[in-house]
Amino acid sequence: MHTFAAFFIALILLVVLVVVAAFFRQFAGVSRADGGHAYEAVALLTAAERSFFGVLQQAVASDYKIFAKVRLADIVRPVRSSSRSGWQAAFNRITGKHVDFVLCDSERLRVIGVVELDDSTHARFERGVRDGLVDSALADAGIPVLRIPARESYSPAQIRDLVQSLCRSH
């Protein structure tokens, strides 16, 4: 009788494992219907961002730690209030957004400022709305933002002066 009970329990566990595995394959995006992978690696930065990142490193890496593609919600958050739904709505507005580069002090990694590289897409209305929200959230949190127009080349000395001026003003 014990052998039958052990077999029955093992069979139930096997069925549960198969169902759980099927669930994850179906709903967690483990694979596509054609058997291929559901995800692929992408470059962290665009070619323009990589180029600017190199200049930014030359300009200020001796003074600041530089982080790229940081989620806005990782450097600012809504102020706690009595309204949970108000807090959640404010959080939802920032959670899917990121900033191009974050400058931090080397000792405590405290955010000193944000550098945004603005290409031609920033002239579009919807992008302007997004940029306004990001700038407003950063201003509320006391984090200065420097917007640099994208171009073919940059002067490290000029970028250094702009960053130092930005950080001195706050």
C-alpha atoms as a PDB file:
ATOM      1  CA  MET A   1       0.000   0.000   0.000  1.00  0.00           C
ATOM      2  CA  HIS A   2       2.864   2.399   0.796  1.00  0.00           C
ATOM      3  CA  THR A   3       4.409   1.725  -2.617  1.00  0.00           C
ATOM      4  CA  PHE A   4       1.177   2.673  -4.371  1.00  0.00           C
ATOM      5  CA  ALA A   5       0.873   5.896  -2.292  1.00  0.00           C
ATOM      6  CA  ALA A   6       4.483   6.855  -3.038  1.00  0.00           C
ATOM      7  CA  PHE A   7       3.963   6.166  -6.741  1.00  0.00           C
ATOM      8  CA  PHE A   8       0.737   8.200  -6.752  1.00  0.00           C
ATOM      9  CA  ILE A   9       2.421  11.165  -4.996  1.00  0.00           C
ATOM     10  CA  ALA A  10       5.373  11.022  -7.395  1.00  0.00           C
ATOM     11  CA  LEU A  11       2.967  10.972 -10.353  1.00  0.00           C
ATOM     12  CA  ILE A  12       1.084  13.998  -9.005  1.00  0.00           C
ATOM     13  CA  LEU A  13       4.363  15.900  -8.495  1.00  0.00           C
ATOM     14  CA  LEU A  14       5.435  15.075 -12.030  1.00  0.00           C
ATOM     15  CA  VAL A  15       2.136  16.352 -13.430  1.00  0.00           C
ATOM     16  CA  VAL A  16       2.444  19.552 -11.378  1.00  0.00           C
ATOM     17  CA  LEU A  17       5.993  20.119 -12.662  1.00  0.00           C
ATOM     18  CA  VAL A  18       4.893  19.599 -16.273  1.00  0.00           C
ATOM     19  CA  VAL A  19       2.000  22.056 -15.822  1.00  0.00           C
ATOM     20  CA  VAL A  20       4.276  24.665 -14.200  1.00  0.00           C
ATOM     21  CA  ALA A  21       6.870  24.287 -16.978  1.00  0.00           C
ATOM     22  CA  ALA A  22       4.155  24.617 -19.626  1.00  0.00           C
ATOM     23  CA  PHE A  23       2.830  27.721 -17.888  1.00  0.00           C
ATOM     24  CA  PHE A  24       6.227  29.396 -17.921  1.00  0.00           C
ATOM     25  CA  ARG A  25       6.847  28.502 -21.541  1.00  0.00           C
ATOM     26  CA  GLN A  26       3.448  29.849 -22.540  1.00  0.00           C
ATOM     27  CA  PHE A  27       3.152  32.975 -20.421  1.00  0.00           C
ATOM     28  CA  ALA A  28       6.660  33.988 -19.440  1.00  0.00           C
ATOM     29  CA  GLY A  29       7.899  34.368 -23.011  1.00  0.00           C
ATOM     30  CA  VAL A  30      10.469  31.590 -22.769  1.00  0.00           C
ATOM     31  CA  SER A  31      10.181  30.751 -26.441  1.00  0.00           C
ATOM     32  CA  ARG A  32       8.191  31.685 -29.525  1.00  0.00           C
ATOM     33  CA  ALA A  33       5.690  29.421 -31.242  1.00  0.00           C
ATOM     34  CA  ASP A  34       8.243  28.621 -33.937  1.00  0.00           C
ATOM     35  CA  GLY A  35      10.674  27.316 -31.313  1.00  0.00           C
ATOM     36  CA  GLY A  36      13.070  30.273 -31.553  1.00  0.00           C
ATOM     37  CA  HIS A  37      14.203  32.483 -28.719  1.00  0.00           C
ATOM     38  CA  ALA A  38      11.887  35.206 -27.458  1.00  0.00           C
ATOM     39  CA  TYR A  39      14.656  37.733 -26.765  1.00  0.00           C
ATOM     40  CA  GLU A  40      17.802  38.989 -28.418  1.00  0.00           C
ATOM     41  CA  ALA A  41      20.672  41.135 -27.201  1.00  0.00           C
ATOM     42  CA  VAL A  42      20.809  44.761 -28.274  1.00  0.00           C
ATOM     43  CA  ALA A  43      23.475  47.435 -27.974  1.00  0.00           C
ATOM     44  CA  LEU A  44      23.208  49.479 -24.784  1.00  0.00           C
ATOM     45  CA  LEU A  45      23.949  52.737 -26.601  1.00  0.00           C
ATOM     46  CA  THR A  46      23.317  53.999 -30.112  1.00  0.00           C
ATOM     47  CA  ALA A  47      26.320  54.947 -32.232  1.00  0.00           C
ATOM     48  CA  ALA A  48      25.763  58.636 -31.414  1.00  0.00           C
ATOM     49  CA  GLU A  49      25.465  57.889 -27.687  1.00  0.00           C
ATOM     50  CA  ARG A  50      28.637  55.746 -27.756  1.00  0.00           C
ATOM     51  CA  SER A  51      30.533  58.552 -29.462  1.00  0.00           C
ATOM     52  CA  PHE A  52      29.319  61.138 -26.960  1.00  0.00           C
ATOM     53  CA  PHE A  53      29.976  58.785 -24.036  1.00  0.00           C
ATOM     54  CA  GLY A  54      33.648  58.599 -25.046  1.00  0.00           C
ATOM     55  CA  VAL A  55      33.918  62.387 -25.088  1.00  0.00           C
ATOM     56  CA  LEU A  56      32.042  62.670 -21.786  1.00  0.00           C
ATOM     57  CA  GLN A  57      34.486  60.202 -20.233  1.00  0.00           C
ATOM     58  CA  GLN A  58      37.436  62.258 -21.499  1.00  0.00           C
ATOM     59  CA  ALA A  59      35.835  65.423 -20.172  1.00  0.00           C
ATOM     60  CA  VAL A  60      34.704  64.454 -16.671  1.00  0.00           C
ATOM     61  CA  ALA A  61      35.624  60.867 -15.729  1.00  0.00           C
ATOM     62  CA  SER A  62      38.368  62.133 -13.420  1.00  0.00           C
ATOM     63  CA  ASP A  63      35.711  64.044 -11.423  1.00  0.00           C
ATOM     64  CA  TYR A  64      32.594  61.892 -11.693  1.00  0.00           C
ATOM     65  CA  LYS A  65      31.407  58.330 -12.185  1.00  0.00           C
ATOM     66  CA  ILE A  66      29.320  58.122 -15.346  1.00  0.00           C
ATOM     67  CA  PHE A  67      26.398  55.721 -15.743  1.00  0.00           C
ATOM     68  CA  ALA A  68      24.555  55.254 -19.018  1.00  0.00           C
ATOM     69  CA  LYS A  69      20.873  54.503 -19.709  1.00  0.00           C
ATOM     70  CA  VAL A  70      19.641  54.823 -16.153  1.00  0.00           C
ATOM     71  CA  ARG A  71      15.942  54.370 -15.437  1.00  0.00           C
ATOM     72  CA  LEU A  72      14.474  57.646 -14.199  1.00  0.00           C
ATOM     73  CA  ALA A  73      12.663  55.821 -11.380  1.00  0.00           C
ATOM     74  CA  ASP A  74      16.075  54.667 -10.097  1.00  0.00           C
ATOM     75  CA  ILE A  75      17.209  58.252  -9.413  1.00  0.00           C
ATOM     76  CA  VAL A  76      13.929  60.005  -8.487  1.00  0.00           C
ATOM     77  CA  ARG A  77      10.688  58.877  -6.903  1.00  0.00           C
ATOM     78  CA  PRO A  78       7.363  60.483  -6.092  1.00  0.00           C
ATOM     79  CA  VAL A  79       7.079  62.056  -2.668  1.00  0.00           C
ATOM     80  CA  ARG A  80       5.024  59.895  -0.294  1.00  0.00           C
ATOM     81  CA  SER A  81       1.532  61.240   0.188  1.00  0.00           C
ATOM     82  CA  SER A  82      -1.731  60.166   1.754  1.00  0.00           C
ATOM     83  CA  SER A  83      -3.038  59.126  -1.660  1.00  0.00           C
ATOM     84  CA  ARG A  84      -1.662  55.747  -2.721  1.00  0.00           C
ATOM     85  CA  SER A  85      -3.283  56.108  -6.149  1.00  0.00           C
ATOM     86  CA  GLY A  86      -1.714  59.556  -6.617  1.00  0.00           C
ATOM     87  CA  TRP A  87       1.711  58.180  -5.724  1.00  0.00           C
ATOM     88  CA  GLN A  88       1.215  55.219  -8.074  1.00  0.00           C
ATOM     89  CA  ALA A  89       0.119  57.489 -10.944  1.00  0.00           C
ATOM     90  CA  ALA A  90       3.218  59.668 -10.463  1.00  0.00           C
ATOM     91  CA  PHE A  91       5.444  56.586 -10.318  1.00  0.00           C
ATOM     92  CA  ASN A  92       3.863  55.142 -13.479  1.00  0.00           C
ATOM     93  CA  ARG A  93       4.684  58.365 -15.365  1.00  0.00           C
ATOM     94  CA  ILE A  94       8.412  57.931 -14.699  1.00  0.00           C
ATOM     95  CA  THR A  95       8.930  54.177 -14.514  1.00  0.00           C
ATOM     96  CA  GLY A  96       9.271  53.521 -18.245  1.00  0.00           C
ATOM     97  CA  LYS A  97      11.613  56.425 -18.896  1.00  0.00           C
ATOM     98  CA  HIS A  98      15.379  56.576 -18.737  1.00  0.00           C
ATOM     99  CA  VAL A  99      18.036  59.250 -18.958  1.00  0.00           C
ATOM    100  CA  ASP A 100      21.098  59.025 -21.162  1.00  0.00           C
ATOM    101  CA  PHE A 101      23.908  59.676 -18.655  1.00  0.00           C
ATOM    102  CA  VAL A 102      24.014  60.138 -14.884  1.00  0.00           C
ATOM    103  CA  LEU A 103      26.963  61.816 -13.199  1.00  0.00           C
ATOM    104  CA  CYS A 104      27.687  60.752  -9.626  1.00  0.00           C
ATOM    105  CA  ASP A 105      30.279  61.733  -7.068  1.00  0.00           C
ATOM    106  CA  SER A 106      32.992  59.112  -6.857  1.00  0.00           C
ATOM    107  CA  GLU A 107      32.843  58.590  -3.116  1.00  0.00           C
ATOM    108  CA  ARG A 108      29.158  57.945  -2.317  1.00  0.00           C
ATOM    109  CA  LEU A 109      27.742  57.659  -5.869  1.00  0.00           C
ATOM    110  CA  ARG A 110      25.309  60.480  -5.072  1.00  0.00           C
ATOM    111  CA  VAL A 111      23.664  61.803  -8.235  1.00  0.00           C
ATOM    112  CA  ILE A 112      25.235  65.135  -9.197  1.00  0.00           C
ATOM    113  CA  GLY A 113      23.516  65.720 -12.536  1.00  0.00           C
ATOM    114  CA  VAL A 114      22.072  64.226 -15.693  1.00  0.00           C
ATOM    115  CA  VAL A 115      23.290  64.678 -19.262  1.00  0.00           C
ATOM    116  CA  GLU A 116      20.782  64.151 -22.067  1.00  0.00           C
ATOM    117  CA  LEU A 117      21.936  63.844 -25.664  1.00  0.00           C
ATOM    118  CA  ASP A 118      19.212  65.386 -27.833  1.00  0.00           C
ATOM    119  CA  ASP A 119      19.045  64.155 -31.411  1.00  0.00           C
ATOM    120  CA  SER A 120      16.518  65.275 -34.052  1.00  0.00           C
ATOM    121  CA  THR A 121      13.739  63.150 -32.502  1.00  0.00           C
ATOM    122  CA  HIS A 122      13.597  65.584 -29.579  1.00  0.00           C
ATOM    123  CA  ALA A 123      11.977  68.152 -31.889  1.00  0.00           C
ATOM    124  CA  ARG A 124       8.839  65.969 -32.182  1.00  0.00           C
ATOM    125  CA  PHE A 125       5.854  66.975 -30.054  1.00  0.00           C
ATOM    126  CA  GLU A 126       5.523  63.694 -28.167  1.00  0.00           C
ATOM    127  CA  ARG A 127       9.231  63.680 -27.411  1.00  0.00           C
ATOM    128  CA  GLY A 128       8.978  67.241 -26.131  1.00  0.00           C
ATOM    129  CA  VAL A 129       6.224  66.151 -23.758  1.00  0.00           C
ATOM    130  CA  ARG A 130       8.427  63.301 -22.525  1.00  0.00           C
ATOM    131  CA  ASP A 131      11.424  65.619 -22.124  1.00  0.00           C
ATOM    132  CA  GLY A 132       9.276  68.090 -20.177  1.00  0.00           C
ATOM    133  CA  LEU A 133       8.179  65.364 -17.772  1.00  0.00           C
ATOM    134  CA  VAL A 134      11.769  64.168 -17.280  1.00  0.00           C
ATOM    135  CA  ASP A 135      13.074  67.720 -16.761  1.00  0.00           C
ATOM    136  CA  SER A 136      10.260  68.474 -14.301  1.00  0.00           C
ATOM    137  CA  ALA A 137      10.870  65.307 -12.276  1.00  0.00           C
ATOM    138  CA  LEU A 138      14.607  66.010 -12.133  1.00  0.00           C
ATOM    139  CA  ALA A 139      14.026  69.664 -11.151  1.00  0.00           C
ATOM    140  CA  ASP A 140      11.622  68.623  -8.382  1.00  0.00           C
ATOM    141  CA  ALA A 141      14.312  66.281  -7.044  1.00  0.00           C
ATOM    142  CA  GLY A 142      16.980  68.986  -7.257  1.00  0.00           C
ATOM    143  CA  ILE A 143      18.974  67.187  -9.957  1.00  0.00           C
ATOM    144  CA  PRO A 144      20.314  69.488 -12.682  1.00  0.00           C
ATOM    145  CA  VAL A 145      20.029  68.352 -16.290  1.00  0.00           C
ATOM    146  CA  LEU A 146      22.278  69.324 -19.167  1.00  0.00           C
ATOM    147  CA  ARG A 147      20.857  68.895 -22.667  1.00  0.00           C
ATOM    148  CA  ILE A 148      23.490  68.571 -25.375  1.00  0.00           C
ATOM    149  CA  PRO A 149      22.429  68.700 -29.039  1.00  0.00           C
ATOM    150  CA  ALA A 150      23.700  65.663 -30.955  1.00  0.00           C
ATOM    151  CA  ARG A 151      26.323  66.472 -33.579  1.00  0.00           C
ATOM    152  CA  GLU A 152      29.220  64.923 -35.453  1.00  0.00           C
ATOM    153  CA  SER A 153      31.902  65.850 -32.925  1.00  0.00           C
ATOM    154  CA  TYR A 154      32.297  67.414 -29.501  1.00  0.00           C
ATOM    155  CA  SER A 155      35.019  69.258 -27.654  1.00  0.00           C
ATOM    156  CA  PRO A 156      35.896  67.510 -24.384  1.00  0.00           C
ATOM    157  CA  ALA A 157      36.984  70.872 -22.929  1.00  0.00           C
ATOM    158  CA  GLN A 158      33.657  72.463 -23.858  1.00  0.00           C
ATOM    159  CA  ILE A 159      31.686  69.525 -22.418  1.00  0.00           C
ATOM    160  CA  ARG A 160      33.773  69.721 -19.232  1.00  0.00           C
ATOM    161  CA  ASP A 161      33.030  73.456 -18.891  1.00  0.00           C
ATOM    162  CA  LEU A 162      29.291  72.883 -19.419  1.00  0.00           C
ATOM    163  CA  VAL A 163      29.167  70.091 -16.823  1.00  0.00           C
ATOM    164  CA  GLN A 164      31.183  72.082 -14.279  1.00  0.00           C
ATOM    165  CA  SER A 165      28.951  75.116 -14.807  1.00  0.00           C
ATOM    166  CA  LEU A 166      25.845  72.996 -14.383  1.00  0.00           C
ATOM    167  CA  CYS A 167      27.102  71.376 -11.193  1.00  0.00           C
ATOM    168  CA  ARG A 168      28.284  74.700  -9.706  1.00  0.00           C
ATOM    169  CA  SER A 169      24.874  76.282 -10.271  1.00  0.00           C
ATOM    170  CA  HIS A 170      23.165  73.651  -8.100  1.00  0.00           C
END
